[in-house]
Amino acid sequence: MNQAIPGLHHVTAIAGDPQRNLAFYAGTLGMRFVKRTVNFDDPGTYHFYYGDGAASPGSIMTFFPWPGAPRGRQGAGLTTATAFSIPGASLGWWATRLKDAGVSVDGPLPRFDDQLLSFDDPDGLRLELVATAASDPREPWGGGSVPAEHGIRGFHGVTLTENSVDRTAALLTETLGFRASGQSGNRSRFHAADAGPGTTVDLLHDPAAPRGIVAVGTVHHVAWRAPGDADQERWRKTISGLGTHITPIVDRCYFRSTYFREPGGVLFEIATDGPGFAIDESPERLGETLRLPPWLESRRAELEETLPAIEIPT
């Protein structure tokens, strides 16, 4: 197989209160607030994007905040941890910062060749900060409350919990171009083709795990990178050729998307790198104003009245 996934594009999760979500990710974690828009399928709800300074694919964590929605349940068929990369020397700094912010932290914990901190966001979403043995040259966002030398570089990887891992592992290695790179207990590790930052996926085998329920505090889907439209079209044909249902390509303004479920039930997306987040506002002003797709501009006044007011942490 000549085609191979380069790595993660973004991870999308469900939150509760939008201001609390913004305060944690842009404030406590110091990520850049890249885009404030709406859920294109439910435009009465925000869609927040956070990332690095350049809003790069492989750094983007996104949320649908639904105030008052029920909590989900972690379990099989879900992405049960999202891991970010930090400098190795910053692990202690982050442990102190999180504890000072009232966050309960597990670690440092060893995993393969890395050390990590494990904790939940305010909605119960499991996060990890991973200090890898390898260097991560990606540039963090230095415009917030976290000094650039300690800043999050982007994704390290994701953990998928599965009742059975064999078919998912086969999809990763035989179709998507991942390679098996480690085994520790019931955790199997895979890396995308270039094995650089933001390319790790762990399969956690738990036959007794209940099925996960997608709601507040859970990941909705994981998106993998397609450098361009032609790559995405080839992936869509490849996945469809397996007999797996895959959606038509959908315009998300900042990238194009197609979705399918891997054998264990986790919702995967293949998203294009472009056109990027500077298509509707300058790179220096990302996230400062509500951006709407052209087909929703006629509803701007209504939506601005409906959506809760928010303040960006400084």
Protein backbone atom coordinates (compact mmCIF):
# COMPACT_ATOMS: atom_id res chain seq x y z
CA MET A 1 0.00 0.00 0.00
CA ASN A 2 1.46 3.32 -1.11
CA GLN A 3 -0.91 5.57 0.80
CA ALA A 4 -0.41 6.22 4.51
CA ILE A 5 -1.99 8.54 7.07
CA PRO A 6 0.54 11.24 8.14
CA GLY A 7 -0.91 11.63 11.65
CA LEU A 8 -3.63 13.34 13.66
CA HIS A 9 -5.49 16.36 12.30
CA HIS A 10 -7.84 17.20 15.19
CA VAL A 11 -9.84 15.70 18.04
CA THR A 12 -13.42 16.84 18.68
CA ALA A 13 -15.09 16.41 22.07
CA ILE A 14 -18.30 17.48 23.80
CA ALA A 15 -18.25 20.00 26.64
CA GLY A 16 -20.83 21.53 28.95
CA ASP A 17 -20.48 25.22 29.81
CA PRO A 18 -18.65 27.14 27.03
CA GLN A 19 -17.01 29.71 29.32
CA ARG A 20 -15.67 27.01 31.62
CA ASN A 21 -14.27 25.16 28.61
CA LEU A 22 -12.63 28.33 27.30
CA ALA A 23 -11.14 29.16 30.71
CA PHE A 24 -9.55 25.71 30.97
CA TYR A 25 -8.12 25.24 27.48
CA ALA A 26 -7.13 28.82 26.65
CA GLY A 27 -6.44 29.73 30.29
CA THR A 28 -5.12 26.81 32.33
CA LEU A 29 -3.62 24.88 29.40
CA GLY A 30 -2.55 28.03 27.55
CA MET A 31 -3.66 26.87 24.10
CA ARG A 32 -4.46 29.40 21.42
CA PHE A 33 -8.16 30.09 20.88
CA VAL A 34 -8.03 29.57 17.13
CA LYS A 35 -11.65 29.84 16.05
CA ARG A 36 -15.08 30.61 17.47
CA THR A 37 -17.79 29.42 15.16
CA VAL A 38 -20.90 27.26 15.43
CA ASN A 39 -21.71 23.61 15.03
CA PHE A 40 -22.68 23.58 11.36
CA ASP A 41 -25.21 20.81 12.06
CA ASP A 42 -26.63 22.55 15.15
CA PRO A 43 -25.87 26.28 14.69
CA GLY A 44 -27.42 27.30 17.99
CA THR A 45 -24.33 25.76 19.61
CA TYR A 46 -20.73 27.00 19.56
CA HIS A 47 -17.85 25.13 17.99
CA PHE A 48 -14.55 26.11 19.63
CA TYR A 49 -11.11 25.33 18.20
CA TYR A 50 -7.84 25.45 20.16
CA GLY A 51 -4.34 24.89 18.83
CA ASP A 52 -0.77 26.04 18.54
CA GLY A 53 0.37 29.49 17.44
CA ALA A 54 0.02 28.68 13.76
CA ALA A 55 -3.25 26.70 14.12
CA SER A 56 -1.47 23.71 12.59
CA PRO A 57 -3.11 20.40 11.73
CA GLY A 58 -2.08 18.01 14.47
CA SER A 59 -2.54 20.61 17.23
CA ILE A 60 -6.27 21.31 17.01
CA MET A 61 -8.60 20.32 19.87
CA THR A 62 -12.22 21.25 19.19
CA PHE A 63 -15.39 21.25 21.29
CA PHE A 64 -19.14 21.36 20.91
CA PRO A 65 -20.22 22.97 24.23
CA TRP A 66 -23.80 22.06 25.08
CA PRO A 67 -24.84 23.69 28.38
CA GLY A 68 -27.06 21.42 30.45
CA ALA A 69 -26.43 18.31 28.34
CA PRO A 70 -25.98 15.00 30.20
CA ARG A 71 -22.59 13.52 31.02
CA GLY A 72 -21.32 10.73 28.81
CA ARG A 73 -19.68 7.47 29.83
CA GLN A 74 -16.16 6.41 28.95
CA GLY A 75 -15.97 2.89 27.59
CA ALA A 76 -15.38 0.65 24.63
CA GLY A 77 -15.76 2.19 21.21
CA LEU A 78 -14.55 5.61 22.32
CA THR A 79 -11.37 7.63 22.41
CA THR A 80 -10.75 7.52 26.15
CA ALA A 81 -7.64 9.72 26.42
CA THR A 82 -6.21 12.57 24.38
CA ALA A 83 -2.51 13.22 24.86
CA PHE A 84 -0.58 16.45 24.20
CA SER A 85 3.17 16.80 23.79
CA ILE A 86 5.20 18.98 26.17
CA PRO A 87 8.97 19.47 26.62
CA GLY A 88 10.63 16.87 28.82
CA ALA A 89 11.90 19.48 31.26
CA SER A 90 8.39 20.91 31.75
CA LEU A 91 6.74 17.95 33.46
CA GLY A 92 7.28 19.30 36.97
CA TRP A 93 6.21 22.80 35.96
CA TRP A 94 2.93 21.43 34.60
CA ALA A 95 2.30 19.26 37.66
CA THR A 96 2.57 22.35 39.84
CA ARG A 97 0.45 24.52 37.54
CA LEU A 98 -2.37 21.99 37.33
CA LYS A 99 -2.41 21.32 41.07
CA ASP A 100 -2.40 25.07 41.78
CA ALA A 101 -5.45 25.32 39.49
CA GLY A 102 -7.25 22.69 41.57
CA VAL A 103 -6.81 19.89 39.03
CA SER A 104 -6.27 16.39 40.42
CA VAL A 105 -3.20 14.96 38.66
CA ASP A 106 -1.89 11.40 38.41
CA GLY A 107 1.83 11.10 37.75
CA PRO A 108 4.40 11.44 36.55
CA LEU A 109 3.67 7.99 35.15
CA PRO A 110 5.90 5.92 32.86
CA ARG A 111 4.58 4.66 29.52
CA PHE A 112 6.90 3.04 27.02
CA ASP A 113 9.83 5.51 26.79
CA ASP A 114 7.81 8.52 27.97
CA GLN A 115 6.70 10.17 31.22
CA LEU A 116 3.22 11.67 31.47
CA LEU A 117 0.69 13.46 33.65
CA SER A 118 -2.91 12.24 33.53
CA PHE A 119 -5.92 14.34 34.57
CA ASP A 120 -9.50 15.29 33.67
CA ASP A 121 -10.77 18.55 32.26
CA PRO A 122 -13.74 20.22 34.06
CA ASP A 123 -16.21 17.98 32.20
CA GLY A 124 -14.38 14.74 32.98
CA LEU A 125 -12.58 14.38 29.65
CA ARG A 126 -9.35 12.43 30.20
CA LEU A 127 -6.23 14.30 29.07
CA GLU A 128 -2.51 13.54 29.21
CA LEU A 129 0.59 15.70 28.98
CA VAL A 130 3.42 13.59 27.60
CA ALA A 131 7.09 14.43 27.95
CA THR A 132 8.58 12.33 25.18
CA ALA A 133 12.10 10.99 24.94
CA ALA A 134 12.27 12.41 21.40
CA SER A 135 12.41 16.15 20.78
CA ASP A 136 9.31 17.92 19.44
CA PRO A 137 10.24 20.87 17.20
CA ARG A 138 6.70 22.23 16.85
CA GLU A 139 6.20 25.82 17.99
CA PRO A 140 3.75 26.41 20.88
CA TRP A 141 1.45 29.36 21.41
CA GLY A 142 3.28 31.95 23.48
CA GLY A 143 0.56 34.59 23.61
CA GLY A 144 -1.33 33.26 26.62
CA SER A 145 -0.63 32.62 30.28
CA VAL A 146 1.74 29.68 29.69
CA PRO A 147 5.35 30.62 28.81
CA ALA A 148 6.37 29.32 25.39
CA GLU A 149 9.17 27.21 26.84
CA HIS A 150 6.56 25.12 28.69
CA GLY A 151 3.79 25.34 26.10
CA ILE A 152 1.86 22.47 24.56
CA ARG A 153 3.39 21.56 21.20
CA GLY A 154 0.37 19.78 19.74
CA PHE A 155 -0.97 16.26 19.98
CA HIS A 156 1.11 13.34 21.08
CA GLY A 157 -1.63 10.80 20.35
CA VAL A 158 -4.90 9.21 21.37
CA THR A 159 -6.00 6.09 23.26
CA LEU A 160 -8.90 4.02 21.93
CA THR A 161 -10.59 1.55 24.30
CA GLU A 162 -11.79 -1.61 22.53
CA ASN A 163 -13.51 -4.84 23.60
CA SER A 164 -11.54 -6.56 20.82
CA VAL A 165 -8.52 -5.04 19.10
CA ASP A 166 -7.65 -7.39 16.24
CA ARG A 167 -9.82 -5.84 13.52
CA THR A 168 -8.94 -2.29 14.55
CA ALA A 169 -5.25 -3.14 14.55
CA ALA A 170 -5.63 -4.64 11.08
CA LEU A 171 -7.32 -1.49 9.80
CA LEU A 172 -4.52 0.65 11.20
CA THR A 173 -1.68 -1.44 9.78
CA GLU A 174 -3.12 -2.95 6.61
CA THR A 175 -5.18 0.00 5.36
CA LEU A 176 -4.16 3.27 7.04
CA GLY A 177 -0.40 2.66 6.93
CA PHE A 178 0.34 2.61 10.67
CA ARG A 179 3.01 0.33 12.10
CA ALA A 180 2.89 -1.58 15.38
CA SER A 181 5.56 -0.10 17.67
CA GLY A 182 5.08 -1.49 21.17
CA GLN A 183 3.13 -3.61 23.62
CA SER A 184 2.72 -3.06 27.37
CA GLY A 185 0.13 -5.19 29.15
CA ASN A 186 -3.21 -4.64 27.41
CA ARG A 187 -1.94 -1.49 25.62
CA SER A 188 -0.79 -1.82 21.99
CA ARG A 189 0.95 1.15 20.39
CA PHE A 190 0.92 2.15 16.74
CA HIS A 191 2.58 5.01 14.89
CA ALA A 192 1.61 6.67 11.64
CA ALA A 193 4.00 6.51 8.71
CA ASP A 194 6.56 9.15 9.71
CA ALA A 195 6.45 8.28 13.47
CA GLY A 196 6.97 11.95 14.37
CA PRO A 197 4.98 14.08 16.82
CA GLY A 198 1.22 13.69 16.72
CA THR A 199 1.28 10.23 15.12
CA THR A 200 0.60 7.86 18.04
CA VAL A 201 -2.50 5.76 18.61
CA ASP A 202 -2.79 3.28 21.48
CA LEU A 203 -5.35 0.49 21.56
CA LEU A 204 -6.42 -0.41 25.09
CA HIS A 205 -7.86 -3.94 25.10
CA ASP A 206 -10.61 -4.29 27.71
CA PRO A 207 -13.09 -7.09 26.90
CA ALA A 208 -15.20 -6.25 30.00
CA ALA A 209 -15.53 -2.50 29.32
CA PRO A 210 -19.11 -1.30 28.85
CA ARG A 211 -19.89 0.49 25.64
CA GLY A 212 -19.11 4.17 25.87
CA ILE A 213 -21.85 6.78 25.64
CA VAL A 214 -21.04 9.94 23.70
CA ALA A 215 -22.14 13.05 25.60
CA VAL A 216 -20.47 15.72 27.77
CA GLY A 217 -16.96 14.74 28.79
CA THR A 218 -16.30 12.35 25.91
CA VAL A 219 -14.60 12.51 22.53
CA HIS A 220 -16.99 12.67 19.59
CA HIS A 221 -14.48 11.78 16.87
CA VAL A 222 -10.81 11.61 15.92
CA ALA A 223 -9.67 13.18 12.64
CA TRP A 224 -6.68 11.99 10.63
CA ARG A 225 -4.79 14.15 8.15
CA ALA A 226 -5.11 14.10 4.39
CA PRO A 227 -2.63 16.61 2.91
CA GLY A 228 -4.95 17.53 0.02
CA ASP A 229 -8.26 16.87 -1.71
CA ALA A 230 -6.88 14.16 -3.98
CA ASP A 231 -5.51 12.28 -0.97
CA GLN A 232 -8.88 12.48 0.74
CA GLU A 233 -10.68 11.20 -2.36
CA ARG A 234 -8.31 8.23 -2.54
CA TRP A 235 -8.91 7.47 1.14
CA ARG A 236 -12.65 7.60 0.65
CA LYS A 237 -12.44 5.11 -2.21
CA THR A 238 -10.12 2.86 -0.19
CA ILE A 239 -12.41 2.80 2.88
CA SER A 240 -15.51 2.30 0.76
CA GLY A 241 -13.75 -0.59 -0.98
CA LEU A 242 -13.52 -2.38 2.38
CA GLY A 243 -17.32 -2.49 2.52
CA THR A 244 -17.33 0.17 5.25
CA HIS A 245 -19.86 2.99 5.07
CA ILE A 246 -18.11 6.32 4.64
CA THR A 247 -19.90 9.64 4.27
CA PRO A 248 -19.75 11.98 1.30
CA ILE A 249 -17.13 14.71 1.62
CA VAL A 250 -18.47 17.64 3.66
CA ASP A 251 -17.25 21.25 3.54
CA ARG A 252 -16.24 22.43 7.03
CA CYS A 253 -14.87 25.72 5.65
CA TYR A 254 -11.43 25.29 7.27
CA PHE A 255 -11.01 21.74 5.95
CA ARG A 256 -13.07 19.11 4.17
CA SER A 257 -14.22 16.01 5.99
CA THR A 258 -15.39 12.46 5.45
CA TYR A 259 -16.41 10.12 8.31
CA PHE A 260 -16.54 6.39 9.02
CA ARG A 261 -16.48 4.06 12.04
CA GLU A 262 -13.55 1.78 12.65
CA PRO A 263 -14.40 -1.85 13.57
CA GLY A 264 -14.49 -1.16 17.32
CA GLY A 265 -16.96 1.70 16.89
CA VAL A 266 -14.78 4.82 17.24
CA LEU A 267 -15.84 7.54 14.79
CA PHE A 268 -12.94 8.45 12.50
CA GLU A 269 -12.71 11.44 10.22
CA ILE A 270 -10.26 12.10 7.40
CA ALA A 271 -9.75 15.87 7.12
CA THR A 272 -7.76 17.91 4.64
CA ASP A 273 -4.93 20.14 5.84
CA GLY A 274 -6.35 23.11 3.96
CA PRO A 275 -7.63 25.66 3.37
CA GLY A 276 -6.85 26.41 7.05
CA PHE A 277 -8.12 28.77 9.72
CA ALA A 278 -6.89 32.02 8.17
CA ILE A 279 -9.40 31.78 5.32
CA ASP A 280 -11.87 34.13 7.05
CA GLU A 281 -9.70 36.18 9.44
CA SER A 282 -6.06 37.19 9.58
CA PRO A 283 -3.54 34.89 11.28
CA GLU A 284 -2.93 37.57 13.95
CA ARG A 285 -6.64 37.88 14.83
CA LEU A 286 -7.74 34.24 14.97
CA GLY A 287 -10.59 33.55 17.36
CA GLU A 288 -11.42 37.17 18.13
CA THR A 289 -14.87 37.26 16.53
CA LEU A 290 -17.69 34.86 15.72
CA ARG A 291 -17.16 33.40 12.26
CA LEU A 292 -20.03 31.84 10.33
CA PRO A 293 -20.09 29.86 7.10
CA PRO A 294 -21.63 31.70 4.14
CA TRP A 295 -24.87 29.73 4.36
CA LEU A 296 -25.45 30.93 7.94
CA GLU A 297 -24.55 34.61 7.54
CA SER A 298 -28.21 35.53 7.03
CA ARG A 299 -28.86 34.21 10.57
CA ARG A 300 -26.00 36.10 12.26
CA ALA A 301 -28.17 38.43 14.34
CA GLU A 302 -30.33 35.54 15.55
CA LEU A 303 -27.33 33.37 16.41
CA GLU A 304 -25.44 36.14 18.18
CA GLU A 305 -28.52 36.68 20.32
CA THR A 306 -28.86 32.96 21.06
CA LEU A 307 -25.24 32.03 21.81
CA PRO A 308 -23.96 32.69 25.36
CA ALA A 309 -21.58 35.62 25.84
CA ILE A 310 -17.96 34.54 26.42
CA GLU A 311 -14.69 36.15 27.49
CA ILE A 312 -11.30 34.98 26.28
CA PRO A 313 -8.80 34.49 29.15
CA THR A 314 -5.72 36.68 29.05
